[in-house]
PDB file of N, CA and C in Angstrom:
ATOM      1  N   MET A   1    -118.017  -0.511  69.815  1.00  0.00           N
ATOM      2  CA  MET A   1    -118.886  -1.196  70.696  1.00  0.00           C
ATOM      3  C   MET A   1    -120.303  -0.548  70.538  1.00  0.00           C
ATOM      4  N   GLN A   2    -121.345  -1.384  70.582  1.00  0.00           N
ATOM      5  CA  GLN A   2    -122.735  -0.968  70.437  1.00  0.00           C
ATOM      6  C   GLN A   2    -123.413  -1.088  71.773  1.00  0.00           C
ATOM      7  N   VAL A   3    -124.493  -0.387  71.962  1.00  0.00           N
ATOM      8  CA  VAL A   3    -125.242  -0.327  73.198  1.00  0.00           C
ATOM      9  C   VAL A   3    -125.636  -1.763  73.577  1.00  0.00           C
ATOM     10  N   LYS A   4    -125.974  -2.556  72.650  1.00  0.00           N
ATOM     11  CA  LYS A   4    -126.420  -3.931  72.963  1.00  0.00           C
ATOM     12  C   LYS A   4    -125.341  -4.827  73.571  1.00  0.00           C
ATOM     13  N   ASP A   5    -124.053  -4.403  73.372  1.00  0.00           N
ATOM     14  CA  ASP A   5    -122.933  -5.131  73.922  1.00  0.00           C
ATOM     15  C   ASP A   5    -122.602  -4.682  75.329  1.00  0.00           C
ATOM     16  N   LEU A   6    -123.233  -3.599  75.863  1.00  0.00           N
ATOM     17  CA  LEU A   6    -122.892  -3.126  77.194  1.00  0.00           C
ATOM     18  C   LEU A   6    -123.541  -3.984  78.325  1.00  0.00           C
ATOM     19  N   THR A   7    -122.877  -4.041  79.349  1.00  0.00           N
ATOM     20  CA  THR A   7    -123.516  -4.689  80.622  1.00  0.00           C
ATOM     21  C   THR A   7    -124.495  -3.640  81.186  1.00  0.00           C
ATOM     22  N   THR A   8    -125.332  -4.078  82.046  1.00  0.00           N
ATOM     23  CA  THR A   8    -126.255  -3.190  82.708  1.00  0.00           C
ATOM     24  C   THR A   8    -125.453  -2.073  83.447  1.00  0.00           C
ATOM     25  N   ASP A   9    -124.407  -2.378  84.141  1.00  0.00           N
ATOM     26  CA  ASP A   9    -123.678  -1.401  84.885  1.00  0.00           C
ATOM     27  C   ASP A   9    -123.026  -0.369  83.940  1.00  0.00           C
ATOM     28  N   GLU A  10    -122.488  -0.843  82.774  1.00  0.00           N
ATOM     29  CA  GLU A  10    -121.846  -0.015  81.826  1.00  0.00           C
ATOM     30  C   GLU A  10    -122.871   0.907  81.212  1.00  0.00           C
ATOM     31  N   LEU A  11    -124.149   0.382  80.945  1.00  0.00           N
ATOM     32  CA  LEU A  11    -125.136   1.267  80.354  1.00  0.00           C
ATOM     33  C   LEU A  11    -125.561   2.358  81.369  1.00  0.00           C
ATOM     34  N   LYS A  12    -125.760   1.931  82.644  1.00  0.00           N
ATOM     35  CA  LYS A  12    -126.043   2.905  83.680  1.00  0.00           C
ATOM     36  C   LYS A  12    -125.019   4.004  83.738  1.00  0.00           C
ATOM     37  N   THR A  13    -123.733   3.609  83.747  1.00  0.00           N
ATOM     38  CA  THR A  13    -122.667   4.596  83.773  1.00  0.00           C
ATOM     39  C   THR A  13    -122.751   5.561  82.598  1.00  0.00           C
ATOM     40  N   LEU A  14    -122.948   4.973  81.444  1.00  0.00           N
ATOM     41  CA  LEU A  14    -122.996   5.794  80.180  1.00  0.00           C
ATOM     42  C   LEU A  14    -124.173   6.812  80.319  1.00  0.00           C
ATOM     43  N   ILE A  15    -125.343   6.390  80.750  1.00  0.00           N
ATOM     44  CA  ILE A  15    -126.489   7.230  80.876  1.00  0.00           C
ATOM     45  C   ILE A  15    -126.221   8.289  81.958  1.00  0.00           C
ATOM     46  N   ARG A  16    -125.672   7.910  83.091  1.00  0.00           N
ATOM     47  CA  ARG A  16    -125.338   8.851  84.154  1.00  0.00           C
ATOM     48  C   ARG A  16    -124.407   9.961  83.653  1.00  0.00           C
ATOM     49  N   GLU A  17    -123.327   9.558  82.936  1.00  0.00           N
ATOM     50  CA  GLU A  17    -122.371  10.501  82.453  1.00  0.00           C
ATOM     51  C   GLU A  17    -122.970  11.402  81.442  1.00  0.00           C
ATOM     52  N   THR A  18    -123.874  10.892  80.585  1.00  0.00           N
ATOM     53  CA  THR A  18    -124.552  11.659  79.509  1.00  0.00           C
ATOM     54  C   THR A  18    -125.488  12.757  80.172  1.00  0.00           C
ATOM     55  N   VAL A  19    -126.231  12.320  81.178  1.00  0.00           N
ATOM     56  CA  VAL A  19    -127.092  13.272  81.824  1.00  0.00           C
ATOM     57  C   VAL A  19    -126.304  14.325  82.499  1.00  0.00           C
ATOM     58  N   LEU A  20    -125.207  13.996  83.195  1.00  0.00           N
ATOM     59  CA  LEU A  20    -124.384  15.016  83.869  1.00  0.00           C
ATOM     60  C   LEU A  20    -123.830  16.021  82.856  1.00  0.00           C
ATOM     61  N   GLU A  21    -123.377  15.557  81.695  1.00  0.00           N
ATOM     62  CA  GLU A  21    -122.810  16.415  80.629  1.00  0.00           C
ATOM     63  C   GLU A  21    -123.954  17.380  80.183  1.00  0.00           C
ATOM     64  N   VAL A  22    -125.125  16.888  79.896  1.00  0.00           N
ATOM     65  CA  VAL A  22    -126.275  17.743  79.440  1.00  0.00           C
ATOM     66  C   VAL A  22    -126.607  18.800  80.547  1.00  0.00           C
ATOM     67  N   LEU A  23    -126.679  18.347  81.796  1.00  0.00           N
ATOM     68  CA  LEU A  23    -127.043  19.237  82.921  1.00  0.00           C
ATOM     69  C   LEU A  23    -125.989  20.360  82.990  1.00  0.00           C
ATOM     70  N   GLU A  24    -124.705  19.998  82.898  1.00  0.00           N
ATOM     71  CA  GLU A  24    -123.591  21.015  82.962  1.00  0.00           C
ATOM     72  C   GLU A  24    -123.725  21.975  81.806  1.00  0.00           C
ATOM     73  N   ASP A  25    -124.194  21.534  80.701  1.00  0.00           N
ATOM     74  CA  ASP A  25    -124.337  22.427  79.477  1.00  0.00           C
ATOM     75  C   ASP A  25    -125.476  23.437  79.715  1.00  0.00           C
ATOM     76  N   PHE A  26    -126.547  22.930  80.270  1.00  0.00           N
ATOM     77  CA  PHE A  26    -127.823  23.787  80.496  1.00  0.00           C
ATOM     78  C   PHE A  26    -127.837  24.592  81.811  1.00  0.00           C
ATOM     79  N   LEU A  27    -127.134  24.091  82.772  1.00  0.00           N
ATOM     80  CA  LEU A  27    -127.227  24.716  84.178  1.00  0.00           C
ATOM     81  C   LEU A  27    -125.825  25.124  84.517  1.00  0.00           C
ATOM     82  N   PRO A  28    -125.398  26.321  84.167  1.00  0.00           N
ATOM     83  CA  PRO A  28    -124.046  26.746  84.498  1.00  0.00           C
ATOM     84  C   PRO A  28    -123.906  26.838  86.066  1.00  0.00           C
ATOM     85  N   ASP A  29    -122.635  26.816  86.492  1.00  0.00           N
ATOM     86  CA  ASP A  29    -122.344  26.911  87.915  1.00  0.00           C
ATOM     87  C   ASP A  29    -122.608  28.287  88.355  1.00  0.00           C
ATOM     88  N   PRO A  30    -123.551  28.531  89.293  1.00  0.00           N
ATOM     89  CA  PRO A  30    -123.857  29.907  89.707  1.00  0.00           C
ATOM     90  C   PRO A  30    -122.804  30.543  90.563  1.00  0.00           C
ATOM     91  N   ASP A  31    -121.891  29.688  91.031  1.00  0.00           N
ATOM     92  CA  ASP A  31    -120.718  30.213  91.858  1.00  0.00           C
ATOM     93  C   ASP A  31    -119.491  30.388  91.079  1.00  0.00           C
ATOM     94  N   ALA A  32    -119.506  30.108  89.753  1.00  0.00           N
ATOM     95  CA  ALA A  32    -118.293  30.290  88.930  1.00  0.00           C
ATOM     96  C   ALA A  32    -117.781  31.779  89.047  1.00  0.00           C
ATOM     97  N   GLY A  33    -116.525  31.880  89.312  1.00  0.00           N
ATOM     98  CA  GLY A  33    -115.855  33.154  89.327  1.00  0.00           C
ATOM     99  C   GLY A  33    -115.936  33.856  90.722  1.00  0.00           C
ATOM    100  N   MET A  34    -116.660  33.225  91.644  1.00  0.00           N
ATOM    101  CA  MET A  34    -116.789  33.811  93.025  1.00  0.00           C
ATOM    102  C   MET A  34    -115.732  33.252  93.893  1.00  0.00           C
ATOM    103  N   THR A  35    -115.455  33.971  94.958  1.00  0.00           N
ATOM    104  CA  THR A  35    -114.467  33.583  95.973  1.00  0.00           C
ATOM    105  C   THR A  35    -115.142  33.324  97.288  1.00  0.00           C
ATOM    106  N   ILE A  36    -114.463  32.573  98.130  1.00  0.00           N
ATOM    107  CA  ILE A  36    -114.971  32.323  99.472  1.00  0.00           C
ATOM    108  C   ILE A  36    -114.060  32.956 100.456  1.00  0.00           C
ATOM    109  N   LYS A  37    -114.607  33.369 101.598  1.00  0.00           N
ATOM    110  CA  LYS A  37    -113.791  33.928 102.633  1.00  0.00           C
ATOM    111  C   LYS A  37    -112.796  32.884 103.225  1.00  0.00           C
ATOM    112  N   GLU A  38    -111.620  33.292 103.526  1.00  0.00           N
ATOM    113  CA  GLU A  38    -110.601  32.396 104.143  1.00  0.00           C
ATOM    114  C   GLU A  38    -111.104  31.708 105.352  1.00  0.00           C
ATOM    115  N   GLU A  39    -111.855  32.379 106.226  1.00  0.00           N
ATOM    116  CA  GLU A  39    -112.378  31.775 107.369  1.00  0.00           C
ATOM    117  C   GLU A  39    -113.276  30.595 107.132  1.00  0.00           C
ATOM    118  N   PHE A  40    -114.194  30.750 106.070  1.00  0.00           N
ATOM    119  CA  PHE A  40    -115.056  29.688 105.644  1.00  0.00           C
ATOM    120  C   PHE A  40    -114.310  28.569 105.040  1.00  0.00           C
ATOM    121  N   LYS A  41    -113.276  28.885 104.172  1.00  0.00           N
ATOM    122  CA  LYS A  41    -112.433  27.832 103.626  1.00  0.00           C
ATOM    123  C   LYS A  41    -111.782  27.020 104.709  1.00  0.00           C
ATOM    124  N   GLN A  42    -111.307  27.551 105.748  1.00  0.00           N
ATOM    125  CA  GLN A  42    -110.640  26.916 106.860  1.00  0.00           C
ATOM    126  C   GLN A  42    -111.720  25.972 107.500  1.00  0.00           C
ATOM    127  N   GLU A  43    -112.895  26.441 107.676  1.00  0.00           N
ATOM    128  CA  GLU A  43    -113.960  25.562 108.312  1.00  0.00           C
ATOM    129  C   GLU A  43    -114.205  24.292 107.408  1.00  0.00           C
ATOM    130  N   LEU A  44    -114.186  24.532 106.113  1.00  0.00           N
ATOM    131  CA  LEU A  44    -114.411  23.334 105.221  1.00  0.00           C
ATOM    132  C   LEU A  44    -113.237  22.395 105.306  1.00  0.00           C
ATOM    133  N   VAL A  45    -112.055  22.906 105.309  1.00  0.00           N
ATOM    134  CA  VAL A  45    -110.864  22.062 105.484  1.00  0.00           C
ATOM    135  C   VAL A  45    -110.919  21.287 106.822  1.00  0.00           C
ATOM    136  N   GLU A  46    -111.376  21.955 107.882  1.00  0.00           N
ATOM    137  CA  GLU A  46    -111.426  21.251 109.170  1.00  0.00           C
ATOM    138  C   GLU A  46    -112.498  20.089 109.151  1.00  0.00           C
ATOM    139  N   ILE A  47    -113.637  20.397 108.512  1.00  0.00           N
ATOM    140  CA  ILE A  47    -114.702  19.365 108.336  1.00  0.00           C
ATOM    141  C   ILE A  47    -114.192  18.212 107.571  1.00  0.00           C
ATOM    142  N   GLN A  48    -113.452  18.458 106.509  1.00  0.00           N
ATOM    143  CA  GLN A  48    -112.820  17.333 105.738  1.00  0.00           C
ATOM    144  C   GLN A  48    -111.840  16.554 106.591  1.00  0.00           C
ATOM    145  N   ARG A  49    -111.030  17.174 107.382  1.00  0.00           N
ATOM    146  CA  ARG A  49    -110.082  16.571 108.227  1.00  0.00           C
ATOM    147  C   ARG A  49    -110.770  15.648 109.264  1.00  0.00           C
ATOM    148  N   ARG A  50    -111.818  16.222 109.889  1.00  0.00           N
ATOM    149  CA  ARG A  50    -112.648  15.440 110.869  1.00  0.00           C
ATOM    150  C   ARG A  50    -113.254  14.169 110.222  1.00  0.00           C
ATOM    151  N   ARG A  51    -113.801  14.368 109.057  1.00  0.00           N
ATOM    152  CA  ARG A  51    -114.442  13.220 108.344  1.00  0.00           C
ATOM    153  C   ARG A  51    -113.401  12.110 108.023  1.00  0.00           C
ATOM    154  N   LYS A  52    -112.319  12.533 107.556  1.00  0.00           N
ATOM    155  CA  LYS A  52    -111.215  11.576 107.257  1.00  0.00           C
ATOM    156  C   LYS A  52    -110.796  10.765 108.430  1.00  0.00           C
ATOM    157  N   SER A  53    -110.776  11.451 109.632  1.00  0.00           N
ATOM    158  CA  SER A  53    -110.333  10.786 110.867  1.00  0.00           C
ATOM    159  C   SER A  53    -111.444  10.054 111.517  1.00  0.00           C
ATOM    160  N   GLY A  54    -112.685  10.051 110.942  1.00  0.00           N
ATOM    161  CA  GLY A  54    -113.773   9.330 111.561  1.00  0.00           C
ATOM    162  C   GLY A  54    -114.604  10.035 112.502  1.00  0.00           C
ATOM    163  N   THR A  55    -114.217  11.282 112.826  1.00  0.00           N
ATOM    164  CA  THR A  55    -114.926  12.069 113.820  1.00  0.00           C
ATOM    165  C   THR A  55    -116.261  12.577 113.201  1.00  0.00           C
ATOM    166  N   ARG A  56    -117.374  12.335 113.935  1.00  0.00           N
ATOM    167  CA  ARG A  56    -118.629  12.784 113.473  1.00  0.00           C
ATOM    168  C   ARG A  56    -119.001  14.169 114.011  1.00  0.00           C
ATOM    169  N   GLY A  57    -119.901  14.862 113.438  1.00  0.00           N
ATOM    170  CA  GLY A  57    -120.362  16.136 113.886  1.00  0.00           C
ATOM    171  C   GLY A  57    -121.272  15.965 115.080  1.00  0.00           C
ATOM    172  N   ILE A  58    -122.048  17.001 115.366  1.00  0.00           N
ATOM    173  CA  ILE A  58    -122.972  16.937 116.490  1.00  0.00           C
ATOM    174  C   ILE A  58    -124.174  16.130 116.160  1.00  0.00           C
ATOM    175  N   SER A  59    -124.831  15.643 117.139  1.00  0.00           N
ATOM    176  CA  SER A  59    -126.054  14.849 116.857  1.00  0.00           C
ATOM    177  C   SER A  59    -127.216  15.775 116.465  1.00  0.00           C
ATOM    178  N   ALA A  60    -128.182  15.149 115.905  1.00  0.00           N
ATOM    179  CA  ALA A  60    -129.402  15.879 115.553  1.00  0.00           C
ATOM    180  C   ALA A  60    -130.096  16.503 116.779  1.00  0.00           C
ATOM    181  N   GLN A  61    -130.028  15.796 117.905  1.00  0.00           N
ATOM    182  CA  GLN A  61    -130.644  16.301 119.079  1.00  0.00           C
ATOM    183  C   GLN A  61    -129.851  17.562 119.582  1.00  0.00           C
ATOM    184  N   GLU A  62    -128.512  17.508 119.517  1.00  0.00           N
ATOM    185  CA  GLU A  62    -127.726  18.656 119.867  1.00  0.00           C
ATOM    186  C   GLU A  62    -127.955  19.847 119.004  1.00  0.00           C
ATOM    187  N   ALA A  63    -128.051  19.604 117.635  1.00  0.00           N
ATOM    188  CA  ALA A  63    -128.408  20.675 116.691  1.00  0.00           C
ATOM    189  C   ALA A  63    -129.774  21.311 117.013  1.00  0.00           C
ATOM    190  N   ALA A  64    -130.701  20.460 117.259  1.00  0.00           N
ATOM    191  CA  ALA A  64    -132.067  20.996 117.559  1.00  0.00           C
ATOM    192  C   ALA A  64    -131.998  21.830 118.832  1.00  0.00           C
ATOM    193  N   SER A  65    -131.289  21.397 119.802  1.00  0.00           N
ATOM    194  CA  SER A  65    -131.100  22.103 121.079  1.00  0.00           C
ATOM    195  C   SER A  65    -130.487  23.463 120.910  1.00  0.00           C
ATOM    196  N   ARG A  66    -129.396  23.476 120.045  1.00  0.00           N
ATOM    197  CA  ARG A  66    -128.736  24.749 119.754  1.00  0.00           C
ATOM    198  C   ARG A  66    -129.619  25.773 119.012  1.00  0.00           C
ATOM    199  N   LEU A  67    -130.561  25.302 118.296  1.00  0.00           N
ATOM    200  CA  LEU A  67    -131.453  26.078 117.494  1.00  0.00           C
ATOM    201  C   LEU A  67    -132.683  26.390 118.338  1.00  0.00           C
ATOM    202  N   GLY A  68    -132.744  25.893 119.567  1.00  0.00           N
ATOM    203  CA  GLY A  68    -133.948  26.205 120.390  1.00  0.00           C
ATOM    204  C   GLY A  68    -135.122  25.440 120.039  1.00  0.00           C
ATOM    205  N   LEU A  69    -134.897  24.230 119.387  1.00  0.00           N
ATOM    206  CA  LEU A  69    -136.050  23.416 118.918  1.00  0.00           C
ATOM    207  C   LEU A  69    -136.314  22.204 119.803  1.00  0.00           C
ATOM    208  N   GLY A  70    -135.470  22.051 120.792  1.00  0.00           N
ATOM    209  CA  GLY A  70    -135.768  20.826 121.592  1.00  0.00           C
ATOM    210  C   GLY A  70    -135.365  21.015 123.075  1.00  0.00           C
TER     211      GLY A  70
END
């Protein structure tokens, strides 16, 4: 198959995948080989659980209030 035979969406996907591959080659993962604390891991799991169930986090207004910004 040649580029001229690709649909617009197929071409966009090909370009996107190529760019990601090049970026991965030039920009290694700075967190590779590192570990996270179990407490933080559990927080991430809880966030995923809430998102899957449709529960949202706190509002921007509440976040600002907690940070003393509002």
